[in-house]
Protein backbone atom coordinates (compact mmCIF):
# COMPACT_ATOMS: atom_id res chain seq x y z
CA MET A 1 -11.59 -28.97 -15.57
CA GLU A 2 -11.75 -25.77 -13.84
CA LEU A 3 -9.38 -25.16 -11.02
CA ARG A 4 -8.68 -22.20 -8.79
CA GLY A 5 -5.36 -21.04 -7.53
CA THR A 6 -3.37 -17.90 -6.43
CA ILE A 7 -0.26 -16.64 -7.58
CA ASN A 8 2.78 -16.87 -4.79
CA ALA A 9 6.36 -15.92 -5.58
CA GLY A 10 5.51 -15.90 -9.27
CA ARG A 11 4.06 -19.53 -9.27
CA ILE A 12 0.48 -20.49 -9.68
CA VAL A 13 -0.24 -22.65 -6.59
CA LEU A 14 -3.77 -24.40 -6.70
CA ASP A 15 -6.23 -24.07 -4.00
CA ASP A 16 -6.63 -27.60 -3.51
CA GLY A 17 -2.95 -28.36 -3.47
CA ARG A 18 -3.00 -30.60 -6.69
CA GLU A 19 0.21 -30.55 -8.98
CA LEU A 20 -0.23 -30.67 -12.85
CA PRO A 21 2.17 -32.62 -14.69
CA GLU A 22 5.36 -30.80 -16.17
CA GLY A 23 4.25 -29.50 -20.04
CA THR A 24 0.40 -29.38 -19.00
CA ARG A 25 -1.03 -26.74 -21.22
CA ILE A 26 -3.49 -24.18 -19.53
CA THR A 27 -5.71 -21.42 -20.01
CA LEU A 28 -5.71 -18.70 -17.61
CA ARG A 29 -8.34 -16.16 -16.34
CA VAL A 30 -7.47 -13.73 -13.97
CA ILE A 31 -10.36 -12.85 -11.57
CA GLU A 32 -9.91 -9.27 -10.29
CA ARG A 33 -9.02 -9.18 -6.41
CA ALA A 34 -11.44 -7.67 -4.08
CA ASP A 35 -8.96 -5.24 -2.89
CA ALA A 36 -8.59 -4.11 -6.40
CA LYS A 37 -11.71 -2.50 -6.03
CA ARG A 38 -10.72 -0.61 -2.70
CA SER A 39 -7.12 0.18 -4.65
CA LYS A 40 -9.32 2.08 -7.14
CA ALA A 41 -11.55 4.00 -4.43
CA LYS A 42 -8.39 4.82 -2.36
CA GLN A 43 -6.55 6.43 -5.66
CA LYS A 44 -9.61 8.60 -6.19
CA LEU A 45 -9.48 9.60 -2.59
CA ILE A 46 -5.67 10.63 -3.00
CA ALA A 47 -6.47 12.33 -6.33
CA ARG A 48 -9.05 14.37 -4.21
CA VAL A 49 -6.71 15.40 -1.69
CA ARG A 50 -4.21 16.37 -3.59
CA ALA A 51 -6.73 18.37 -5.54
CA THR A 52 -7.70 20.44 -2.46
CA ALA A 53 -4.02 20.60 -0.70
CA VAL A 54 -2.42 23.75 -0.13
CA LYS A 55 1.05 24.83 0.49
CA THR A 56 1.44 26.03 4.07
CA GLY A 57 4.91 27.24 4.04
CA ILE A 58 5.52 24.81 7.09
CA PRO A 59 7.89 21.91 5.28
CA ASP A 60 7.66 19.64 8.53
CA LEU A 61 4.03 20.12 9.31
CA ALA A 62 3.51 16.37 9.01
CA ASP A 63 6.07 15.92 11.54
CA ARG A 64 5.13 18.39 13.84
CA HIS A 65 1.31 18.30 13.66
CA ASP A 66 0.55 17.78 17.25
CA GLU A 67 2.98 20.81 18.26
CA PHE A 68 0.72 23.02 15.95
CA LEU A 69 -2.62 21.76 16.82
CA THR A 70 -2.02 21.30 20.51
CA GLY A 71 0.54 23.60 21.60
CA ALA A 72 2.78 20.59 22.71
CA LYS A 73 6.22 21.09 23.41
CA PRO A 74 8.45 19.82 20.19
CA VAL A 75 9.99 16.40 20.42
CA ARG A 76 13.20 15.66 18.41
CA SER A 77 13.45 12.32 16.82
CA ALA A 78 16.40 10.25 17.76
CA ARG A 79 17.34 10.26 14.33
CA LYS A 80 17.75 14.14 14.95
CA ARG A 81 19.78 13.74 17.87
CA LYS A 82 21.61 11.03 16.78
CA GLY A 83 23.69 13.44 14.21
CA ARG A 84 23.97 16.55 17.02
CA ARG A 85 25.97 14.87 19.58
């Protein structure tokens, strides 16, 4: 008999909702998830970005990129304003 299921909160939940009797011996074969392949591609992309990244000398560039790209006025976040009252 072959049954399929998913790990949910550390337990195997069978697709058809069936429950096996306590003490039932099973053999488990893990099927690679579809998003695992995407995850490998994502890891390769991250490695490429890291390999080509350059230090800009601007520590908050990610937070202020709109200001640098468009010349927009800087917007202070509520988190920064909260500490300056």
